Amino acid sequence: MALKDQEETLGSTHPDTLVSVNNLSEVLKDMGNYEEAEKLCRRGLEGSREALGPRHTDTLIAMNNLATVLKILGKQEEAEELCRLSFE
């Protein structure tokens, strides 16, 4: 199921949709499309926090994925902040 269809059918904060957002962000990162990956990572993290809570495993994974992209983009301070938050 395409991400757009998943969002229309399940909603943007459904756990399956959030997994798809995360997976697509990882593909974009691996392809070197870091700006788009960052946008999707932020969207996925926001949705995970809202739907699953700040300490859910999927939310913590989303935090880590965003931190990785931020580090690649040279945004080390924000990446470090996310990493520290994941340990609190």
PDB file of N, CA and C in Angstrom:
ATOM      1  N   MET A   1       0.849  -1.175   0.000  1.00  0.00           N
ATOM      2  CA  MET A   1       0.000   0.000   0.000  1.00  0.00           C
ATOM      3  C   MET A   1       0.894   1.238   0.000  1.00  0.00           C
ATOM      4  N   ALA A   2       0.627   2.167  -0.882  1.00  0.00           N
ATOM      5  CA  ALA A   2       1.389   3.406  -0.957  1.00  0.00           C
ATOM      6  C   ALA A   2       1.127   4.255   0.290  1.00  0.00           C
ATOM      7  N   LEU A   3       2.114   5.062   0.646  1.00  0.00           N
ATOM      8  CA  LEU A   3       2.007   5.880   1.848  1.00  0.00           C
ATOM      9  C   LEU A   3       0.771   6.771   1.814  1.00  0.00           C
ATOM     10  N   LYS A   4       0.505   7.402   0.682  1.00  0.00           N
ATOM     11  CA  LYS A   4      -0.665   8.277   0.564  1.00  0.00           C
ATOM     12  C   LYS A   4      -1.953   7.495   0.827  1.00  0.00           C
ATOM     13  N   ASP A   5      -2.046   6.302   0.244  1.00  0.00           N
ATOM     14  CA  ASP A   5      -3.225   5.470   0.455  1.00  0.00           C
ATOM     15  C   ASP A   5      -3.340   5.045   1.915  1.00  0.00           C
ATOM     16  N   GLN A   6      -2.210   4.727   2.509  1.00  0.00           N
ATOM     17  CA  GLN A   6      -2.207   4.324   3.915  1.00  0.00           C
ATOM     18  C   GLN A   6      -2.714   5.455   4.804  1.00  0.00           C
ATOM     19  N   GLU A   7      -2.253   6.666   4.527  1.00  0.00           N
ATOM     20  CA  GLU A   7      -2.699   7.818   5.314  1.00  0.00           C
ATOM     21  C   GLU A   7      -4.195   8.044   5.157  1.00  0.00           C
ATOM     22  N   GLU A   8      -4.691   7.899   3.944  1.00  0.00           N
ATOM     23  CA  GLU A   8      -6.120   8.098   3.702  1.00  0.00           C
ATOM     24  C   GLU A   8      -6.955   7.008   4.363  1.00  0.00           C
ATOM     25  N   THR A   9      -6.451   5.784   4.358  1.00  0.00           N
ATOM     26  CA  THR A   9      -7.193   4.656   4.902  1.00  0.00           C
ATOM     27  C   THR A   9      -7.060   4.555   6.419  1.00  0.00           C
ATOM     28  N   LEU A  10      -5.835   4.637   6.907  1.00  0.00           N
ATOM     29  CA  LEU A  10      -5.576   4.405   8.331  1.00  0.00           C
ATOM     30  C   LEU A  10      -5.438   5.685   9.148  1.00  0.00           C
ATOM     31  N   GLY A  11      -5.048   6.764   8.499  1.00  0.00           N
ATOM     32  CA  GLY A  11      -4.775   8.006   9.206  1.00  0.00           C
ATOM     33  C   GLY A  11      -3.279   8.230   9.329  1.00  0.00           C
ATOM     34  N   SER A  12      -2.888   9.479   9.488  1.00  0.00           N
ATOM     35  CA  SER A  12      -1.466   9.827   9.498  1.00  0.00           C
ATOM     36  C   SER A  12      -0.744   9.421  10.775  1.00  0.00           C
ATOM     37  N   THR A  13      -1.481   9.134  11.847  1.00  0.00           N
ATOM     38  CA  THR A  13      -0.818   8.744  13.089  1.00  0.00           C
ATOM     39  C   THR A  13      -1.052   7.276  13.454  1.00  0.00           C
ATOM     40  N   HIS A  14      -1.588   6.517  12.512  1.00  0.00           N
ATOM     41  CA  HIS A  14      -1.732   5.076  12.762  1.00  0.00           C
ATOM     42  C   HIS A  14      -0.336   4.459  12.820  1.00  0.00           C
ATOM     43  N   PRO A  15      -0.090   3.529  13.738  1.00  0.00           N
ATOM     44  CA  PRO A  15       1.247   2.929  13.860  1.00  0.00           C
ATOM     45  C   PRO A  15       1.796   2.356  12.553  1.00  0.00           C
ATOM     46  N   ASP A  16       0.955   1.737  11.731  1.00  0.00           N
ATOM     47  CA  ASP A  16       1.444   1.196  10.457  1.00  0.00           C
ATOM     48  C   ASP A  16       1.874   2.314   9.506  1.00  0.00           C
ATOM     49  N   THR A  17       1.152   3.410   9.508  1.00  0.00           N
ATOM     50  CA  THR A  17       1.517   4.554   8.682  1.00  0.00           C
ATOM     51  C   THR A  17       2.839   5.141   9.158  1.00  0.00           C
ATOM     52  N   LEU A  18       3.001   5.236  10.464  1.00  0.00           N
ATOM     53  CA  LEU A  18       4.237   5.788  11.009  1.00  0.00           C
ATOM     54  C   LEU A  18       5.437   4.917  10.669  1.00  0.00           C
ATOM     55  N   VAL A  19       5.264   3.608  10.662  1.00  0.00           N
ATOM     56  CA  VAL A  19       6.340   2.701  10.263  1.00  0.00           C
ATOM     57  C   VAL A  19       6.696   2.948   8.799  1.00  0.00           C
ATOM     58  N   SER A  20       5.691   3.142   7.968  1.00  0.00           N
ATOM     59  CA  SER A  20       5.942   3.411   6.550  1.00  0.00           C
ATOM     60  C   SER A  20       6.682   4.736   6.362  1.00  0.00           C
ATOM     61  N   VAL A  21       6.304   5.756   7.109  1.00  0.00           N
ATOM     62  CA  VAL A  21       6.990   7.047   7.053  1.00  0.00           C
ATOM     63  C   VAL A  21       8.451   6.862   7.439  1.00  0.00           C
ATOM     64  N   ASN A  22       8.686   6.117   8.514  1.00  0.00           N
ATOM     65  CA  ASN A  22      10.052   5.870   8.957  1.00  0.00           C
ATOM     66  C   ASN A  22      10.842   5.103   7.904  1.00  0.00           C
ATOM     67  N   ASN A  23      10.227   4.082   7.322  1.00  0.00           N
ATOM     68  CA  ASN A  23      10.916   3.283   6.309  1.00  0.00           C
ATOM     69  C   ASN A  23      11.285   4.128   5.088  1.00  0.00           C
ATOM     70  N   LEU A  24      10.348   4.965   4.647  1.00  0.00           N
ATOM     71  CA  LEU A  24      10.631   5.821   3.501  1.00  0.00           C
ATOM     72  C   LEU A  24      11.739   6.818   3.826  1.00  0.00           C
ATOM     73  N   SER A  25      11.743   7.344   5.039  1.00  0.00           N
ATOM     74  CA  SER A  25      12.808   8.287   5.415  1.00  0.00           C
ATOM     75  C   SER A  25      14.173   7.596   5.390  1.00  0.00           C
ATOM     76  N   GLU A  26      14.202   6.334   5.772  1.00  0.00           N
ATOM     77  CA  GLU A  26      15.460   5.581   5.740  1.00  0.00           C
ATOM     78  C   GLU A  26      15.934   5.355   4.304  1.00  0.00           C
ATOM     79  N   VAL A  27      15.010   5.061   3.411  1.00  0.00           N
ATOM     80  CA  VAL A  27      15.364   4.881   1.995  1.00  0.00           C
ATOM     81  C   VAL A  27      15.915   6.188   1.429  1.00  0.00           C
ATOM     82  N   LEU A  28      15.237   7.282   1.721  1.00  0.00           N
ATOM     83  CA  LEU A  28      15.703   8.578   1.238  1.00  0.00           C
ATOM     84  C   LEU A  28      17.081   8.909   1.788  1.00  0.00           C
ATOM     85  N   LYS A  29      17.300   8.610   3.045  1.00  0.00           N
ATOM     86  CA  LYS A  29      18.622   8.839   3.649  1.00  0.00           C
ATOM     87  C   LYS A  29      19.677   8.016   2.927  1.00  0.00           C
ATOM     88  N   ASP A  30      19.384   6.751   2.709  1.00  0.00           N
ATOM     89  CA  ASP A  30      20.342   5.863   2.044  1.00  0.00           C
ATOM     90  C   ASP A  30      20.637   6.311   0.611  1.00  0.00           C
ATOM     91  N   MET A  31      19.675   6.980  -0.016  1.00  0.00           N
ATOM     92  CA  MET A  31      19.854   7.487  -1.381  1.00  0.00           C
ATOM     93  C   MET A  31      20.563   8.839  -1.397  1.00  0.00           C
ATOM     94  N   GLY A  32      20.811   9.407  -0.211  1.00  0.00           N
ATOM     95  CA  GLY A  32      21.482  10.696  -0.128  1.00  0.00           C
ATOM     96  C   GLY A  32      20.556  11.886  -0.198  1.00  0.00           C
ATOM     97  N   ASN A  33      19.269  11.669  -0.131  1.00  0.00           N
ATOM     98  CA  ASN A  33      18.287  12.759  -0.160  1.00  0.00           C
ATOM     99  C   ASN A  33      17.978  13.163   1.285  1.00  0.00           C
ATOM    100  N   TYR A  34      18.954  13.797   1.908  1.00  0.00           N
ATOM    101  CA  TYR A  34      18.899  14.059   3.347  1.00  0.00           C
ATOM    102  C   TYR A  34      17.841  15.082   3.752  1.00  0.00           C
ATOM    103  N   GLU A  35      17.611  16.084   2.908  1.00  0.00           N
ATOM    104  CA  GLU A  35      16.607  17.093   3.268  1.00  0.00           C
ATOM    105  C   GLU A  35      15.205  16.483   3.311  1.00  0.00           C
ATOM    106  N   GLU A  36      14.871  15.664   2.322  1.00  0.00           N
ATOM    107  CA  GLU A  36      13.561  15.003   2.328  1.00  0.00           C
ATOM    108  C   GLU A  36      13.480  13.987   3.463  1.00  0.00           C
ATOM    109  N   ALA A  37      14.570  13.306   3.711  1.00  0.00           N
ATOM    110  CA  ALA A  37      14.599  12.346   4.822  1.00  0.00           C
ATOM    111  C   ALA A  37      14.354  13.065   6.144  1.00  0.00           C
ATOM    112  N   GLU A  38      14.950  14.239   6.303  1.00  0.00           N
ATOM    113  CA  GLU A  38      14.748  15.014   7.531  1.00  0.00           C
ATOM    114  C   GLU A  38      13.270  15.376   7.699  1.00  0.00           C
ATOM    115  N   LYS A  39      12.638  15.826   6.623  1.00  0.00           N
ATOM    116  CA  LYS A  39      11.215  16.195   6.697  1.00  0.00           C
ATOM    117  C   LYS A  39      10.362  15.002   7.139  1.00  0.00           C
ATOM    118  N   LEU A  40      10.614  13.851   6.532  1.00  0.00           N
ATOM    119  CA  LEU A  40       9.828  12.666   6.902  1.00  0.00           C
ATOM    120  C   LEU A  40      10.151  12.199   8.313  1.00  0.00           C
ATOM    121  N   CYS A  41      11.410  12.283   8.700  1.00  0.00           N
ATOM    122  CA  CYS A  41      11.780  11.896  10.070  1.00  0.00           C
ATOM    123  C   CYS A  41      11.054  12.772  11.089  1.00  0.00           C
ATOM    124  N   ARG A  42      11.017  14.054  10.828  1.00  0.00           N
ATOM    125  CA  ARG A  42      10.322  14.978  11.749  1.00  0.00           C
ATOM    126  C   ARG A  42       8.826  14.643  11.805  1.00  0.00           C
ATOM    127  N   ARG A  43       8.268  14.403  10.644  1.00  0.00           N
ATOM    128  CA  ARG A  43       6.848  14.040  10.581  1.00  0.00           C
ATOM    129  C   ARG A  43       6.580  12.739  11.334  1.00  0.00           C
ATOM    130  N   GLY A  44       7.436  11.756  11.133  1.00  0.00           N
ATOM    131  CA  GLY A  44       7.278  10.479  11.821  1.00  0.00           C
ATOM    132  C   GLY A  44       7.439  10.600  13.326  1.00  0.00           C
ATOM    133  N   LEU A  45       8.426  11.397  13.745  1.00  0.00           N
ATOM    134  CA  LEU A  45       8.640  11.592  15.179  1.00  0.00           C
ATOM    135  C   LEU A  45       7.460  12.302  15.815  1.00  0.00           C
ATOM    136  N   GLU A  46       6.972  13.337  15.175  1.00  0.00           N
ATOM    137  CA  GLU A  46       5.812  14.076  15.688  1.00  0.00           C
ATOM    138  C   GLU A  46       4.596  13.152  15.821  1.00  0.00           C
ATOM    139  N   GLY A  47       4.358  12.362  14.782  1.00  0.00           N
ATOM    140  CA  GLY A  47       3.233  11.427  14.808  1.00  0.00           C
ATOM    141  C   GLY A  47       3.381  10.367  15.871  1.00  0.00           C
ATOM    142  N   SER A  48       4.591   9.859  16.036  1.00  0.00           N
ATOM    143  CA  SER A  48       4.842   8.837  17.063  1.00  0.00           C
ATOM    144  C   SER A  48       4.636   9.390  18.459  1.00  0.00           C
ATOM    145  N   ARG A  49       5.133  10.589  18.686  1.00  0.00           N
ATOM    146  CA  ARG A  49       4.938  11.202  20.009  1.00  0.00           C
ATOM    147  C   ARG A  49       3.452  11.360  20.313  1.00  0.00           C
ATOM    148  N   GLU A  50       2.709  11.811  19.306  1.00  0.00           N
ATOM    149  CA  GLU A  50       1.273  12.042  19.474  1.00  0.00           C
ATOM    150  C   GLU A  50       0.516  10.730  19.681  1.00  0.00           C
ATOM    151  N   ALA A  51       0.789   9.749  18.840  1.00  0.00           N
ATOM    152  CA  ALA A  51      -0.001   8.517  18.835  1.00  0.00           C
ATOM    153  C   ALA A  51       0.475   7.494  19.866  1.00  0.00           C
ATOM    154  N   LEU A  52       1.770   7.429  20.088  1.00  0.00           N
ATOM    155  CA  LEU A  52       2.325   6.350  20.909  1.00  0.00           C
ATOM    156  C   LEU A  52       2.924   6.821  22.232  1.00  0.00           C
ATOM    157  N   GLY A  53       3.228   8.100  22.312  1.00  0.00           N
ATOM    158  CA  GLY A  53       3.830   8.640  23.523  1.00  0.00           C
ATOM    159  C   GLY A  53       5.335   8.795  23.374  1.00  0.00           C
ATOM    160  N   PRO A  54       5.926   9.625  24.227  1.00  0.00           N
ATOM    161  CA  PRO A  54       7.339   9.965  24.084  1.00  0.00           C
ATOM    162  C   PRO A  54       8.321   8.841  24.429  1.00  0.00           C
ATOM    163  N   ARG A  55       7.885   7.828  25.155  1.00  0.00           N
ATOM    164  CA  ARG A  55       8.808   6.768  25.585  1.00  0.00           C
ATOM    165  C   ARG A  55       8.584   5.451  24.845  1.00  0.00           C
ATOM    166  N   HIS A  56       7.662   5.418  23.905  1.00  0.00           N
ATOM    167  CA  HIS A  56       7.405   4.196  23.144  1.00  0.00           C
ATOM    168  C   HIS A  56       8.636   3.866  22.293  1.00  0.00           C
ATOM    169  N   THR A  57       8.891   2.591  22.111  1.00  0.00           N
ATOM    170  CA  THR A  57      10.052   2.143  21.344  1.00  0.00           C
ATOM    171  C   THR A  57      10.086   2.765  19.950  1.00  0.00           C
ATOM    172  N   ASP A  58       8.950   2.803  19.270  1.00  0.00           N
ATOM    173  CA  ASP A  58       8.921   3.378  17.917  1.00  0.00           C
ATOM    174  C   ASP A  58       9.238   4.872  17.935  1.00  0.00           C
ATOM    175  N   THR A  59       8.828   5.563  18.973  1.00  0.00           N
ATOM    176  CA  THR A  59       9.147   6.986  19.097  1.00  0.00           C
ATOM    177  C   THR A  59      10.639   7.170  19.300  1.00  0.00           C
ATOM    178  N   LEU A  60      11.231   6.337  20.136  1.00  0.00           N
ATOM    179  CA  LEU A  60      12.673   6.429  20.378  1.00  0.00           C
ATOM    180  C   LEU A  60      13.469   6.101  19.119  1.00  0.00           C
ATOM    181  N   ILE A  61      13.004   5.136  18.344  1.00  0.00           N
ATOM    182  CA  ILE A  61      13.654   4.809  17.070  1.00  0.00           C
ATOM    183  C   ILE A  61      13.547   6.000  16.119  1.00  0.00           C
ATOM    184  N   ALA A  62      12.382   6.632  16.076  1.00  0.00           N
ATOM    185  CA  ALA A  62      12.190   7.811  15.220  1.00  0.00           C
ATOM    186  C   ALA A  62      13.129   8.938  15.647  1.00  0.00           C
ATOM    187  N   MET A  63      13.328   9.103  16.939  1.00  0.00           N
ATOM    188  CA  MET A  63      14.256  10.117  17.446  1.00  0.00           C
ATOM    189  C   MET A  63      15.672   9.819  16.964  1.00  0.00           C
ATOM    190  N   ASN A  64      16.066   8.574  17.065  1.00  0.00           N
ATOM    191  CA  ASN A  64      17.401   8.174  16.639  1.00  0.00           C
ATOM    192  C   ASN A  64      17.590   8.387  15.140  1.00  0.00           C
ATOM    193  N   ASN A  65      16.569   8.024  14.352  1.00  0.00           N
ATOM    194  CA  ASN A  65      16.673   8.193  12.909  1.00  0.00           C
ATOM    195  C   ASN A  65      16.810   9.662  12.528  1.00  0.00           C
ATOM    196  N   LEU A  66      16.034  10.517  13.183  1.00  0.00           N
ATOM    197  CA  LEU A  66      16.147  11.947  12.919  1.00  0.00           C
ATOM    198  C   LEU A  66      17.522  12.456  13.337  1.00  0.00           C
ATOM    199  N   ALA A  67      18.008  12.030  14.485  1.00  0.00           N
ATOM    200  CA  ALA A  67      19.325  12.464  14.941  1.00  0.00           C
ATOM    201  C   ALA A  67      20.413  12.071  13.946  1.00  0.00           C
ATOM    202  N   THR A  68      20.293  10.890  13.367  1.00  0.00           N
ATOM    203  CA  THR A  68      21.276  10.438  12.376  1.00  0.00           C
ATOM    204  C   THR A  68      21.274  11.349  11.154  1.00  0.00           C
ATOM    205  N   VAL A  69      20.099  11.678  10.652  1.00  0.00           N
ATOM    206  CA  VAL A  69      20.001  12.560   9.486  1.00  0.00           C
ATOM    207  C   VAL A  69      20.518  13.958   9.828  1.00  0.00           C
ATOM    208  N   LEU A  70      20.166  14.448  10.993  1.00  0.00           N
ATOM    209  CA  LEU A  70      20.637  15.770  11.405  1.00  0.00           C
ATOM    210  C   LEU A  70      22.161  15.819  11.480  1.00  0.00           C
ATOM    211  N   LYS A  71      22.750  14.755  11.989  1.00  0.00           N
ATOM    212  CA  LYS A  71      24.216  14.692  12.074  1.00  0.00           C
ATOM    213  C   LYS A  71      24.823  14.755  10.671  1.00  0.00           C
ATOM    214  N   ILE A  72      24.256  14.002   9.745  1.00  0.00           N
ATOM    215  CA  ILE A  72      24.746  14.016   8.360  1.00  0.00           C
ATOM    216  C   ILE A  72      24.645  15.419   7.765  1.00  0.00           C
ATOM    217  N   LEU A  73      23.576  16.133   8.111  1.00  0.00           N
ATOM    218  CA  LEU A  73      23.353  17.480   7.585  1.00  0.00           C
ATOM    219  C   LEU A  73      24.164  18.551   8.317  1.00  0.00           C
ATOM    220  N   GLY A  74      24.961  18.133   9.294  1.00  0.00           N
ATOM    221  CA  GLY A  74      25.790  19.092  10.021  1.00  0.00           C
ATOM    222  C   GLY A  74      25.074  19.803  11.145  1.00  0.00           C
ATOM    223  N   LYS A  75      23.954  19.271  11.570  1.00  0.00           N
ATOM    224  CA  LYS A  75      23.175  19.876  12.654  1.00  0.00           C
ATOM    225  C   LYS A  75      23.437  19.096  13.946  1.00  0.00           C
ATOM    226  N   GLN A  76      24.711  19.093  14.344  1.00  0.00           N
ATOM    227  CA  GLN A  76      25.128  18.262  15.465  1.00  0.00           C
ATOM    228  C   GLN A  76      24.471  18.618  16.785  1.00  0.00           C
ATOM    229  N   GLU A  77      24.258  19.904  17.040  1.00  0.00           N
ATOM    230  CA  GLU A  77      23.663  20.293  18.318  1.00  0.00           C
ATOM    231  C   GLU A  77      22.252  19.732  18.471  1.00  0.00           C
ATOM    232  N   GLU A  78      21.455  19.846  17.437  1.00  0.00           N
ATOM    233  CA  GLU A  78      20.095  19.315  17.491  1.00  0.00           C
ATOM    234  C   GLU A  78      20.116  17.792  17.570  1.00  0.00           C
ATOM    235  N   ALA A  79      21.045  17.178  16.845  1.00  0.00           N
ATOM    236  CA  ALA A  79      21.182  15.714  16.892  1.00  0.00           C
ATOM    237  C   ALA A  79      21.555  15.261  18.303  1.00  0.00           C
ATOM    238  N   GLU A  80      22.479  15.961  18.915  1.00  0.00           N
ATOM    239  CA  GLU A  80      22.889  15.609  20.277  1.00  0.00           C
ATOM    240  C   GLU A  80      21.729  15.759  21.257  1.00  0.00           C
ATOM    241  N   GLU A  81      20.968  16.840  21.096  1.00  0.00           N
ATOM    242  CA  GLU A  81      19.822  17.064  21.978  1.00  0.00           C
ATOM    243  C   GLU A  81      18.820  15.912  21.884  1.00  0.00           C
ATOM    244  N   LEU A  82      18.535  15.465  20.660  1.00  0.00           N
ATOM    245  CA  LEU A  82      17.608  14.333  20.479  1.00  0.00           C
ATOM    246  C   LEU A  82      18.157  13.062  21.119  1.00  0.00           C
ATOM    247  N   CYS A  83      19.429  12.825  20.945  1.00  0.00           N
ATOM    248  CA  CYS A  83      20.039  11.632  21.547  1.00  0.00           C
ATOM    249  C   CYS A  83      19.951  11.681  23.070  1.00  0.00           C
ATOM    250  N   ARG A  84      20.206  12.834  23.637  1.00  0.00           N
ATOM    251  CA  ARG A  84      20.104  12.964  25.096  1.00  0.00           C
ATOM    252  C   ARG A  84      18.681  12.765  25.572  1.00  0.00           C
ATOM    253  N   LEU A  85      17.710  13.295  24.827  1.00  0.00           N
ATOM    254  CA  LEU A  85      16.307  13.121  25.193  1.00  0.00           C
ATOM    255  C   LEU A  85      15.907  11.641  25.199  1.00  0.00           C
ATOM    256  N   SER A  86      16.465  10.884  24.301  1.00  0.00           N
ATOM    257  CA  SER A  86      16.106   9.470  24.206  1.00  0.00           C
ATOM    258  C   SER A  86      16.592   8.671  25.409  1.00  0.00           C
ATOM    259  N   PHE A  87      17.570   9.228  26.149  1.00  0.00           N
ATOM    260  CA  PHE A  87      18.092   8.531  27.331  1.00  0.00           C
ATOM    261  C   PHE A  87      17.416   8.966  28.623  1.00  0.00           C
ATOM    262  N   GLU A  88      16.600  10.009  28.578  1.00  0.00           N
ATOM    263  CA  GLU A  88      15.962  10.500  29.804  1.00  0.00           C
ATOM    264  C   GLU A  88      14.806   9.636  30.217  1.00  0.00           C
TER     265      GLU A  88
END
